[in-house]
Amino acid sequence: MKFIVVLFALAVFSQCEAKQLSRCELVRQLRKHGFPENKMRDWVCLVENESSRRTDIVSKPNSDGSRDYGLFQINNRYWCSTTNKPGKDCNVTCKQLITENISKAAACAKKIYQRHGFDAWYGWKNKCRGKPLPDIKSCKK
């Protein structure tokens, strides 16, 4: 019986921390966090190809042993700390990038974009650059 209670508690906790956004929910969140409208379809394409719009995704280890975290698949080699202390270039923990609240992930993604553009993300380079971008016309402003 205790086992079932623990499983139920874990299921409830994990649902509170993670979310898969619909396309329009993603657009609303990106707008809320100040992403520019003229690049919105690129950001949506990036997120859809990097994380399938899920906030809780942690990648398998990359060839250098690093991992990518959250909606924007932000890499821990340069951008987030795997300890409990915020650090690296975005001054966040990687755990802060995999929650339903995307504020820290959005700020970090914008910092990465400022330095490297969309080329920082293979999902964008391989699936979005020069290709048809997602339709977001039905996502109200």
C-alpha atoms as a PDB file:
ATOM      1  CA  MET A   1       0.000   0.000   0.000  1.00  0.00           C
ATOM      2  CA  LYS A   2       2.824   2.440   0.835  1.00  0.00           C
ATOM      3  CA  PHE A   3       4.325   1.736  -2.589  1.00  0.00           C
ATOM      4  CA  ILE A   4       1.106   2.840  -4.310  1.00  0.00           C
ATOM      5  CA  VAL A   5       0.948   6.028  -2.245  1.00  0.00           C
ATOM      6  CA  VAL A   6       4.563   6.845  -3.121  1.00  0.00           C
ATOM      7  CA  LEU A   7       3.917   6.235  -6.824  1.00  0.00           C
ATOM      8  CA  PHE A   8       0.842   8.463  -6.706  1.00  0.00           C
ATOM      9  CA  ALA A   9       2.793  11.228  -4.946  1.00  0.00           C
ATOM     10  CA  LEU A  10       5.592  11.021  -7.507  1.00  0.00           C
ATOM     11  CA  ALA A  11       3.092  11.174 -10.373  1.00  0.00           C
ATOM     12  CA  VAL A  12       1.398  14.255  -8.911  1.00  0.00           C
ATOM     13  CA  PHE A  13       4.734  15.967  -8.205  1.00  0.00           C
ATOM     14  CA  SER A  14       6.118  15.304 -11.677  1.00  0.00           C
ATOM     15  CA  GLN A  15       2.963  16.696 -13.301  1.00  0.00           C
ATOM     16  CA  CYS A  16       3.280  19.887 -11.265  1.00  0.00           C
ATOM     17  CA  GLU A  17       6.854  20.456 -12.393  1.00  0.00           C
ATOM     18  CA  ALA A  18       6.532  19.683 -16.094  1.00  0.00           C
ATOM     19  CA  LYS A  19       4.234  20.546 -18.896  1.00  0.00           C
ATOM     20  CA  GLN A  20       3.825  20.006 -22.592  1.00  0.00           C
ATOM     21  CA  LEU A  21       2.605  23.255 -24.064  1.00  0.00           C
ATOM     22  CA  SER A  22       0.275  23.499 -27.029  1.00  0.00           C
ATOM     23  CA  ARG A  23       1.630  25.589 -29.893  1.00  0.00           C
ATOM     24  CA  CYS A  24      -0.524  28.577 -28.922  1.00  0.00           C
ATOM     25  CA  GLU A  25       0.379  28.223 -25.230  1.00  0.00           C
ATOM     26  CA  LEU A  26       4.014  28.350 -26.281  1.00  0.00           C
ATOM     27  CA  VAL A  27       3.405  31.468 -28.365  1.00  0.00           C
ATOM     28  CA  ARG A  28       1.620  33.153 -25.433  1.00  0.00           C
ATOM     29  CA  GLN A  29       4.505  32.290 -23.096  1.00  0.00           C
ATOM     30  CA  LEU A  30       7.108  33.540 -25.559  1.00  0.00           C
ATOM     31  CA  ARG A  31       5.186  36.799 -26.002  1.00  0.00           C
ATOM     32  CA  LYS A  32       4.849  37.154 -22.225  1.00  0.00           C
ATOM     33  CA  HIS A  33       8.631  36.806 -21.897  1.00  0.00           C
ATOM     34  CA  GLY A  34       9.371  39.423 -24.542  1.00  0.00           C
ATOM     35  CA  PHE A  35      10.384  37.348 -27.548  1.00  0.00           C
ATOM     36  CA  PRO A  36      10.097  39.481 -30.706  1.00  0.00           C
ATOM     37  CA  GLU A  37       7.085  38.911 -32.904  1.00  0.00           C
ATOM     38  CA  ASN A  38       9.166  38.965 -36.096  1.00  0.00           C
ATOM     39  CA  LYS A  39      11.134  35.907 -34.879  1.00  0.00           C
ATOM     40  CA  MET A  40       8.227  34.128 -33.172  1.00  0.00           C
ATOM     41  CA  ARG A  41       7.819  31.410 -35.818  1.00  0.00           C
ATOM     42  CA  ASP A  42      11.564  30.658 -35.615  1.00  0.00           C
ATOM     43  CA  TRP A  43      11.375  30.313 -31.829  1.00  0.00           C
ATOM     44  CA  VAL A  44       8.319  28.052 -32.095  1.00  0.00           C
ATOM     45  CA  CYS A  45      10.085  25.909 -34.685  1.00  0.00           C
ATOM     46  CA  LEU A  46      13.186  25.723 -32.496  1.00  0.00           C
ATOM     47  CA  VAL A  47      11.242  24.661 -29.392  1.00  0.00           C
ATOM     48  CA  GLU A  48       9.124  22.149 -31.292  1.00  0.00           C
ATOM     49  CA  ASN A  49      12.228  20.511 -32.739  1.00  0.00           C
ATOM     50  CA  GLU A  50      14.374  20.677 -29.621  1.00  0.00           C
ATOM     51  CA  SER A  51      11.906  19.641 -26.899  1.00  0.00           C
ATOM     52  CA  SER A  52       8.514  18.982 -28.523  1.00  0.00           C
ATOM     53  CA  ARG A  53       7.270  21.901 -26.383  1.00  0.00           C
ATOM     54  CA  ARG A  54       7.959  19.984 -23.145  1.00  0.00           C
ATOM     55  CA  THR A  55       9.415  21.824 -20.183  1.00  0.00           C
ATOM     56  CA  ASP A  56      10.891  18.762 -18.441  1.00  0.00           C
ATOM     57  CA  ILE A  57      13.114  17.286 -21.155  1.00  0.00           C
ATOM     58  CA  VAL A  58      16.708  16.398 -20.294  1.00  0.00           C
ATOM     59  CA  SER A  59      18.704  14.990 -23.190  1.00  0.00           C
ATOM     60  CA  LYS A  60      20.791  11.872 -23.213  1.00  0.00           C
ATOM     61  CA  PRO A  61      24.481  12.705 -22.771  1.00  0.00           C
ATOM     62  CA  ASN A  62      26.015  14.495 -25.752  1.00  0.00           C
ATOM     63  CA  SER A  63      29.328  13.303 -27.204  1.00  0.00           C
ATOM     64  CA  ASP A  64      31.212  15.515 -24.715  1.00  0.00           C
ATOM     65  CA  GLY A  65      29.167  14.223 -21.752  1.00  0.00           C
ATOM     66  CA  SER A  66      27.108  17.405 -21.405  1.00  0.00           C
ATOM     67  CA  ARG A  67      23.298  17.425 -21.416  1.00  0.00           C
ATOM     68  CA  ASP A  68      20.606  19.773 -22.708  1.00  0.00           C
ATOM     69  CA  TYR A  69      17.771  20.956 -20.454  1.00  0.00           C
ATOM     70  CA  GLY A  70      14.200  22.104 -20.812  1.00  0.00           C
ATOM     71  CA  LEU A  71      12.035  23.733 -23.424  1.00  0.00           C
ATOM     72  CA  PHE A  72      14.982  25.316 -25.245  1.00  0.00           C
ATOM     73  CA  GLN A  73      17.409  22.412 -24.618  1.00  0.00           C
ATOM     74  CA  ILE A  74      20.023  24.604 -22.955  1.00  0.00           C
ATOM     75  CA  ASN A  75      23.402  22.923 -22.544  1.00  0.00           C
ATOM     76  CA  ASN A  76      25.043  22.542 -19.142  1.00  0.00           C
ATOM     77  CA  ARG A  77      28.588  22.824 -20.467  1.00  0.00           C
ATOM     78  CA  TYR A  78      28.366  26.612 -20.749  1.00  0.00           C
ATOM     79  CA  TRP A  79      24.974  27.862 -19.625  1.00  0.00           C
ATOM     80  CA  CYS A  80      23.644  26.187 -16.452  1.00  0.00           C
ATOM     81  CA  SER A  81      25.042  24.610 -13.318  1.00  0.00           C
ATOM     82  CA  THR A  82      24.368  20.974 -12.446  1.00  0.00           C
ATOM     83  CA  THR A  83      24.880  21.761  -8.746  1.00  0.00           C
ATOM     84  CA  ASN A  84      22.357  23.391  -6.417  1.00  0.00           C
ATOM     85  CA  LYS A  85      24.143  26.731  -6.828  1.00  0.00           C
ATOM     86  CA  PRO A  86      23.226  28.885  -9.853  1.00  0.00           C
ATOM     87  CA  GLY A  87      26.143  29.416 -12.172  1.00  0.00           C
ATOM     88  CA  LYS A  88      27.744  29.450 -15.606  1.00  0.00           C
ATOM     89  CA  ASP A  89      26.797  32.073 -18.206  1.00  0.00           C
ATOM     90  CA  CYS A  90      23.060  32.168 -17.430  1.00  0.00           C
ATOM     91  CA  ASN A  91      23.610  32.066 -13.647  1.00  0.00           C
ATOM     92  CA  VAL A  92      20.971  29.350 -13.187  1.00  0.00           C
ATOM     93  CA  THR A  93      20.843  25.736 -12.164  1.00  0.00           C
ATOM     94  CA  CYS A  94      19.901  23.271 -14.857  1.00  0.00           C
ATOM     95  CA  LYS A  95      17.039  22.173 -12.614  1.00  0.00           C
ATOM     96  CA  GLN A  96      15.570  25.689 -12.903  1.00  0.00           C
ATOM     97  CA  LEU A  97      15.333  25.145 -16.680  1.00  0.00           C
ATOM     98  CA  ILE A  98      13.043  22.112 -16.472  1.00  0.00           C
ATOM     99  CA  THR A  99      10.069  23.545 -14.617  1.00  0.00           C
ATOM    100  CA  GLU A 100       6.683  24.748 -15.815  1.00  0.00           C
ATOM    101  CA  ASN A 101       7.750  28.341 -15.079  1.00  0.00           C
ATOM    102  CA  ILE A 102       9.858  29.158 -18.134  1.00  0.00           C
ATOM    103  CA  SER A 103      11.107  32.572 -16.937  1.00  0.00           C
ATOM    104  CA  LYS A 104      14.711  31.515 -16.313  1.00  0.00           C
ATOM    105  CA  ALA A 105      14.832  29.293 -19.399  1.00  0.00           C
ATOM    106  CA  ALA A 106      13.474  32.135 -21.560  1.00  0.00           C
ATOM    107  CA  ALA A 107      16.011  34.629 -20.204  1.00  0.00           C
ATOM    108  CA  CYS A 108      18.832  32.166 -20.807  1.00  0.00           C
ATOM    109  CA  ALA A 109      17.635  31.322 -24.337  1.00  0.00           C
ATOM    110  CA  LYS A 110      17.563  35.025 -25.190  1.00  0.00           C
ATOM    111  CA  LYS A 111      21.117  35.408 -23.882  1.00  0.00           C
ATOM    112  CA  ILE A 112      22.273  32.474 -26.017  1.00  0.00           C
ATOM    113  CA  TYR A 113      20.505  33.969 -29.042  1.00  0.00           C
ATOM    114  CA  GLN A 114      22.155  37.371 -28.466  1.00  0.00           C
ATOM    115  CA  ARG A 115      25.578  35.737 -28.594  1.00  0.00           C
ATOM    116  CA  HIS A 116      25.113  33.048 -31.238  1.00  0.00           C
ATOM    117  CA  GLY A 117      21.782  33.521 -32.997  1.00  0.00           C
ATOM    118  CA  PHE A 118      19.647  30.505 -33.829  1.00  0.00           C
ATOM    119  CA  ASP A 119      22.769  28.651 -34.982  1.00  0.00           C
ATOM    120  CA  ALA A 120      23.374  27.734 -31.331  1.00  0.00           C
ATOM    121  CA  TRP A 121      20.616  25.114 -31.722  1.00  0.00           C
ATOM    122  CA  TYR A 122      20.983  22.110 -34.038  1.00  0.00           C
ATOM    123  CA  GLY A 123      17.211  21.618 -33.992  1.00  0.00           C
ATOM    124  CA  TRP A 124      16.782  25.031 -35.610  1.00  0.00           C
ATOM    125  CA  LYS A 125      19.717  24.649 -38.031  1.00  0.00           C
ATOM    126  CA  ASN A 126      18.575  21.221 -39.230  1.00  0.00           C
ATOM    127  CA  LYS A 127      14.780  21.577 -39.182  1.00  0.00           C
ATOM    128  CA  CYS A 128      13.940  25.291 -39.436  1.00  0.00           C
ATOM    129  CA  ARG A 129      16.570  27.264 -41.334  1.00  0.00           C
ATOM    130  CA  GLY A 130      15.362  27.792 -44.886  1.00  0.00           C
ATOM    131  CA  LYS A 131      12.303  25.585 -44.330  1.00  0.00           C
ATOM    132  CA  PRO A 132       8.602  26.379 -43.853  1.00  0.00           C
ATOM    133  CA  LEU A 133       8.059  27.622 -40.304  1.00  0.00           C
ATOM    134  CA  PRO A 134       5.081  26.720 -38.087  1.00  0.00           C
ATOM    135  CA  ASP A 135       1.792  28.510 -38.653  1.00  0.00           C
ATOM    136  CA  ILE A 136       0.871  30.599 -35.619  1.00  0.00           C
ATOM    137  CA  LYS A 137      -1.872  32.758 -37.207  1.00  0.00           C
ATOM    138  CA  SER A 138      -4.546  31.180 -34.988  1.00  0.00           C
ATOM    139  CA  CYS A 139      -2.620  32.115 -31.807  1.00  0.00           C
ATOM    140  CA  LYS A 140      -4.260  35.331 -30.661  1.00  0.00           C
ATOM    141  CA  LYS A 141      -2.177  38.275 -29.514  1.00  0.00           C
END
